[in-house]
Amino acid sequence: MSTARYRALVAVAQHGSLSAAARALGLSQPTISSQIATLERQSRVDLFHRQGYRMTLTTAGARLFTLAQRLLSVESETEFFLRDAGELRQGELNLGAVGPFHVIEMVAAYHALYPGMRLSIRMGNSQQVLRDLENYTTDVAVLAGLHEHPDLMALEYAQHAMILFAHVDHPLARRSEVDITELNGQLLLMRERGSTTRATMEAALAKARVTPRTALEIGSREAIREAVVRGLGLGVVSEAEFIAGPLLRPIRIKGDPASTTTYVYCMRARSESVLIGSFLASIQRLR
């Protein structure tokens, strides 16, 4: 069975137009258009909403997109197995992650064992990373927090306390440790909703009946760090992901009331995959 039409559907869905999908796949735009038209003719439903050059999935298209992702993943793994007999001489492994710290050390360990393999990393918040995994856009996901679902398999990797960090001129910057109650009324810079860091810290604050000020929501760790450098408030981060700087001071929270656990996830249906198994085995050496 040819998967070219399904590959075209996935590319159009990911890139948003026929021309962008054609460039991504190295094909002509008429070829992509013909493949999408054939799928729609076969299914007798519209798979895309068309708004000028922009194309977005319909409800039926979104369902087929998920199935197509799975099909292409299986095709890739089958070709990999038949070509290399599972020896991992060449191939591609796609990773999703919420931050660079742990995933980079994992990639380094894997590359040392399998230098012929190509790896890619897609960054996002927890919800985005899990969605990519469930849609078979990625093979393995690295993120904080346990997300229980019957279709997912999780391997615990590391646990780290969450800490504050402040500009050197902030009143709390003179302290190496503060009680969580001292955050009452303090301006905390929070990640967007859907962030495990935010959810974990909010739970610890609620348990301690502490109400900080949270006037700013910022969508990345890098942006929060920049905001703290500019004196806009206190940042919250896993101690493993704190990046030191001359204008920043780390501050522990007494008793470590909030912590994050990093897990490595894969789809349970793919847990016996040679490719995924090789990655999981390689990171066992780091734990």
Protein backbone atom coordinates (compact mmCIF):
# COMPACT_ATOMS: atom_id res chain seq x y z
CA MET A 1 0.00 0.00 0.00
CA SER A 2 1.37 3.43 -1.00
CA THR A 3 1.54 5.95 1.82
CA ALA A 4 2.33 8.96 -0.39
CA ARG A 5 -1.20 10.38 -0.05
CA TYR A 6 -1.11 10.08 3.74
CA ARG A 7 2.31 11.72 3.80
CA ALA A 8 0.85 14.59 1.77
CA LEU A 9 -2.07 14.96 4.20
CA VAL A 10 0.27 15.10 7.19
CA ALA A 11 2.52 17.65 5.49
CA VAL A 12 -0.37 19.94 4.53
CA ALA A 13 -1.81 19.70 8.05
CA GLN A 14 1.56 20.55 9.62
CA HIS A 15 2.56 23.33 7.21
CA GLY A 16 -0.85 24.86 6.51
CA SER A 17 -0.77 25.08 2.72
CA LEU A 18 -0.19 23.04 -0.42
CA SER A 19 2.88 25.05 -1.43
CA ALA A 20 4.57 24.76 1.98
CA ALA A 21 3.84 21.02 2.09
CA ALA A 22 5.24 20.58 -1.41
CA ARG A 23 8.47 22.34 -0.41
CA ALA A 24 8.77 20.21 2.73
CA LEU A 25 8.35 16.97 0.77
CA GLY A 26 10.37 18.03 -2.27
CA LEU A 27 7.38 17.54 -4.59
CA SER A 28 5.39 19.79 -6.92
CA GLN A 29 2.30 21.59 -5.66
CA PRO A 30 0.04 19.90 -8.26
CA THR A 31 1.23 16.51 -7.02
CA ILE A 32 0.30 17.35 -3.42
CA SER A 33 -3.03 18.80 -4.54
CA SER A 34 -3.82 15.65 -6.53
CA GLN A 35 -2.99 13.40 -3.58
CA ILE A 36 -5.27 15.36 -1.23
CA ALA A 37 -8.05 15.38 -3.84
CA THR A 38 -7.75 11.59 -4.21
CA LEU A 39 -8.07 11.09 -0.45
CA GLU A 40 -11.14 13.31 -0.30
CA ARG A 41 -12.69 11.52 -3.27
CA GLN A 42 -12.06 8.14 -1.65
CA SER A 43 -13.43 9.18 1.74
CA ARG A 44 -16.28 11.28 0.27
CA VAL A 45 -15.72 13.96 2.91
CA ASP A 46 -13.79 17.22 3.04
CA LEU A 47 -10.55 16.75 4.92
CA PHE A 48 -9.54 20.43 4.94
CA HIS A 49 -11.15 23.82 5.40
CA ARG A 50 -9.80 26.11 2.66
CA GLN A 51 -9.36 29.83 3.34
CA GLY A 52 -7.43 31.27 0.43
CA TYR A 53 -4.08 29.53 0.45
CA ARG A 54 -4.48 28.42 4.06
CA MET A 55 -5.75 24.92 4.82
CA THR A 56 -6.84 23.59 8.22
CA LEU A 57 -8.14 20.14 9.11
CA THR A 58 -11.85 19.41 9.37
CA THR A 59 -13.07 17.07 12.13
CA ALA A 60 -12.80 14.11 9.75
CA GLY A 61 -9.40 15.33 8.57
CA ALA A 62 -8.10 15.54 12.13
CA ARG A 63 -9.11 11.92 12.74
CA LEU A 64 -7.42 10.78 9.54
CA PHE A 65 -4.36 12.87 10.41
CA THR A 66 -3.87 10.90 13.64
CA LEU A 67 -4.26 7.58 11.84
CA ALA A 68 -1.89 8.72 9.09
CA GLN A 69 0.74 9.68 11.66
CA ARG A 70 0.56 6.18 13.12
CA LEU A 71 0.76 4.61 9.67
CA LEU A 72 3.82 6.63 8.70
CA SER A 73 5.48 5.85 12.02
CA VAL A 74 5.00 2.12 11.45
CA GLU A 75 6.23 2.45 7.86
CA SER A 76 9.37 4.26 9.04
CA GLU A 77 10.07 1.67 11.70
CA THR A 78 9.50 -1.19 9.25
CA GLU A 79 11.92 0.29 6.73
CA PHE A 80 14.43 0.88 9.49
CA PHE A 81 14.20 -2.73 10.66
CA LEU A 82 14.42 -4.24 7.18
CA ARG A 83 17.35 -2.02 6.21
CA ASP A 84 19.48 -2.36 9.30
CA ALA A 85 18.13 -5.57 10.86
CA GLY A 86 17.72 -3.65 14.11
CA GLU A 87 21.42 -2.82 14.38
CA LEU A 88 20.80 0.95 14.69
CA ARG A 89 23.39 1.96 12.11
CA GLN A 90 21.20 4.67 10.65
CA GLY A 91 17.72 6.06 11.06
CA GLU A 92 15.88 8.88 12.83
CA LEU A 93 14.52 9.28 16.35
CA ASN A 94 12.18 12.20 17.09
CA LEU A 95 12.07 13.55 20.64
CA GLY A 96 9.71 15.97 22.34
CA ALA A 97 10.69 17.90 25.46
CA VAL A 98 9.60 20.76 27.72
CA GLY A 99 13.16 21.99 28.26
CA PRO A 100 16.71 21.33 27.11
CA PHE A 101 18.42 20.26 30.32
CA HIS A 102 17.72 16.53 30.61
CA VAL A 103 16.95 15.83 26.97
CA ILE A 104 20.35 17.13 25.82
CA GLU A 105 22.23 14.85 28.20
CA MET A 106 20.06 11.96 26.98
CA VAL A 107 20.81 12.78 23.36
CA ALA A 108 24.54 12.93 24.11
CA ALA A 109 24.44 9.49 25.76
CA TYR A 110 22.45 7.99 22.89
CA HIS A 111 24.67 9.53 20.22
CA ALA A 112 27.76 8.07 21.90
CA LEU A 113 26.25 4.58 21.51
CA TYR A 114 24.64 5.05 18.08
CA PRO A 115 26.56 7.76 16.17
CA GLY A 116 24.85 6.89 12.89
CA MET A 117 21.39 7.77 14.17
CA ARG A 118 19.86 11.19 13.49
CA LEU A 119 17.92 12.82 16.33
CA SER A 120 15.55 15.78 16.33
CA ILE A 121 14.00 17.62 19.29
CA ARG A 122 10.67 19.49 19.34
CA MET A 123 10.22 21.85 22.29
CA GLY A 124 6.89 22.86 23.83
CA ASN A 125 4.91 22.91 27.04
CA SER A 126 3.64 19.68 28.60
CA GLN A 127 0.35 19.66 26.71
CA GLN A 128 2.03 20.24 23.36
CA VAL A 129 4.70 17.60 23.97
CA LEU A 130 2.11 14.97 24.94
CA ARG A 131 -0.05 15.85 21.96
CA ASP A 132 2.91 15.36 19.60
CA LEU A 133 3.60 11.97 21.17
CA GLU A 134 -0.02 10.83 20.93
CA ASN A 135 -0.19 12.02 17.29
CA TYR A 136 2.98 10.04 16.50
CA THR A 137 4.81 13.22 15.53
CA THR A 138 7.49 12.22 18.06
CA ASP A 139 8.73 8.83 19.24
CA VAL A 140 9.73 9.70 22.81
CA ALA A 141 8.78 12.57 25.14
CA VAL A 142 10.74 14.01 28.07
CA LEU A 143 8.73 16.13 30.50
CA ALA A 144 8.11 16.88 34.14
CA GLY A 145 5.24 15.30 36.03
CA LEU A 146 3.40 11.99 35.82
CA HIS A 147 0.67 11.97 33.19
CA GLU A 148 -1.27 8.77 33.64
CA HIS A 149 -3.02 7.40 30.57
CA PRO A 150 -3.54 3.78 29.48
CA ASP A 151 -1.90 4.50 26.10
CA LEU A 152 1.29 5.90 27.65
CA MET A 153 4.26 4.19 29.27
CA ALA A 154 6.38 6.33 31.65
CA LEU A 155 9.91 5.80 32.96
CA GLU A 156 10.99 7.94 35.94
CA TYR A 157 14.30 9.67 35.25
CA ALA A 158 15.13 12.31 37.89
CA GLN A 159 13.60 14.46 40.64
CA HIS A 160 14.51 18.06 41.46
CA ALA A 161 13.27 20.67 43.93
CA MET A 162 11.82 23.87 42.56
CA ILE A 163 13.60 27.07 43.54
CA LEU A 164 13.11 30.80 43.20
CA PHE A 165 15.52 33.15 41.49
CA ALA A 166 15.69 36.91 41.83
CA HIS A 167 17.47 39.98 40.53
CA VAL A 168 20.45 40.88 42.75
CA ASP A 169 18.64 44.05 43.87
CA HIS A 170 15.50 42.21 44.99
CA PRO A 171 15.08 42.23 48.81
CA LEU A 172 15.01 38.41 48.91
CA ALA A 173 18.22 38.09 46.87
CA ARG A 174 20.27 38.50 50.06
CA ARG A 175 18.79 35.26 51.38
CA SER A 176 19.84 31.74 50.40
CA GLU A 177 16.53 30.30 51.65
CA VAL A 178 13.03 31.58 52.36
CA ASP A 179 9.90 30.07 53.84
CA ILE A 180 7.07 29.65 51.36
CA THR A 181 4.87 31.91 53.52
CA GLU A 182 7.20 34.81 52.72
CA LEU A 183 5.93 34.69 49.14
CA ASN A 184 2.59 36.10 50.24
CA GLY A 185 2.12 39.28 48.21
CA GLN A 186 5.36 38.82 46.27
CA LEU A 187 5.22 39.20 42.50
CA LEU A 188 5.83 35.78 40.92
CA LEU A 189 6.44 35.40 37.21
CA MET A 190 4.40 32.39 36.11
CA ARG A 191 4.50 30.17 33.04
CA GLU A 192 1.40 29.81 30.88
CA ARG A 193 -1.43 27.48 31.88
CA GLY A 194 -0.57 23.93 30.87
CA SER A 195 2.94 24.24 32.31
CA THR A 196 3.84 21.58 34.89
CA THR A 197 6.13 24.08 36.65
CA ARG A 198 3.22 26.44 37.16
CA ALA A 199 0.77 23.75 38.27
CA THR A 200 3.27 22.30 40.77
CA MET A 201 4.11 25.69 42.30
CA GLU A 202 0.45 26.74 42.49
CA ALA A 203 -0.39 23.52 44.33
CA ALA A 204 2.37 24.15 46.90
CA LEU A 205 1.23 27.75 47.39
CA ALA A 206 -2.41 26.72 47.82
CA LYS A 207 -1.44 24.08 50.37
CA ALA A 208 0.46 26.71 52.37
CA ARG A 209 -2.43 29.19 51.92
CA VAL A 210 -0.09 31.68 50.34
CA THR A 211 -1.33 34.21 47.77
CA PRO A 212 1.40 35.85 45.71
CA ARG A 213 0.82 38.44 43.02
CA THR A 214 0.90 36.93 39.54
CA ALA A 215 0.37 39.86 37.21
CA LEU A 216 2.53 38.37 34.44
CA GLU A 217 2.22 35.08 32.53
CA ILE A 218 5.21 34.28 30.34
CA GLY A 219 5.39 31.43 27.83
CA SER A 220 8.99 30.22 28.17
CA ARG A 221 11.77 29.74 30.72
CA GLU A 222 14.05 31.98 28.68
CA ALA A 223 11.54 34.84 28.74
CA ILE A 224 11.01 34.47 32.49
CA ARG A 225 14.76 34.63 33.04
CA GLU A 226 14.93 37.84 30.99
CA ALA A 227 12.02 39.31 32.98
CA VAL A 228 13.81 38.55 36.28
CA VAL A 229 17.01 40.13 34.93
CA ARG A 230 14.95 43.27 34.28
CA GLY A 231 13.63 43.26 37.85
CA LEU A 232 10.01 42.41 37.02
CA GLY A 233 9.59 39.80 39.75
CA LEU A 234 10.64 36.42 41.10
CA GLY A 235 11.11 33.44 38.81
CA VAL A 236 10.34 29.80 39.62
CA VAL A 237 12.27 26.95 38.06
CA SER A 238 13.51 23.42 38.70
CA GLU A 239 16.93 23.65 40.36
CA ALA A 240 18.36 21.55 37.52
CA GLU A 241 17.29 24.15 34.97
CA PHE A 242 18.45 27.31 36.74
CA ILE A 243 20.97 29.19 34.60
CA ALA A 244 23.25 31.37 36.69
CA GLY A 245 24.13 34.92 35.74
CA PRO A 246 25.79 37.97 37.35
CA LEU A 247 22.40 39.64 37.93
CA LEU A 248 20.61 36.57 39.28
CA ARG A 249 20.53 34.87 42.68
CA PRO A 250 19.00 31.42 43.33
CA ILE A 251 16.84 31.09 46.48
CA ARG A 252 15.77 27.77 47.93
CA ILE A 253 12.32 27.33 49.43
CA LYS A 254 12.61 25.91 52.95
CA GLY A 255 11.67 22.23 53.11
CA ASP A 256 11.43 21.96 49.30
CA PRO A 257 7.60 22.00 49.25
CA ALA A 258 7.49 21.86 45.45
CA SER A 259 9.44 19.52 43.22
CA THR A 260 9.23 18.12 39.74
CA THR A 261 9.97 14.62 38.54
CA THR A 262 11.20 14.13 35.00
CA TYR A 263 9.73 11.19 33.11
CA VAL A 264 10.47 9.69 29.72
CA TYR A 265 7.32 8.67 27.84
CA CYS A 266 6.47 6.57 24.83
CA MET A 267 3.25 5.16 23.45
CA ARG A 268 2.57 1.80 25.11
CA ALA A 269 1.81 0.27 21.70
CA ARG A 270 5.39 1.10 20.64
CA SER A 271 7.18 0.07 23.82
CA GLU A 272 8.60 -3.05 22.12
CA SER A 273 10.06 -1.01 19.27
CA VAL A 274 13.78 -1.64 18.71
CA LEU A 275 14.28 2.08 18.08
CA ILE A 276 12.50 3.28 21.23
CA GLY A 277 13.91 0.44 23.31
CA SER A 278 17.44 1.45 22.35
CA PHE A 279 16.83 4.99 23.61
CA LEU A 280 15.27 3.87 26.89
CA ALA A 281 18.17 1.46 27.48
CA SER A 282 20.75 4.18 26.79
CA ILE A 283 19.35 6.57 29.42
CA GLN A 284 19.26 3.85 32.09
CA ARG A 285 23.03 4.39 32.34
CA LEU A 286 22.48 8.04 33.32
CA ARG A 287 20.10 7.44 36.21
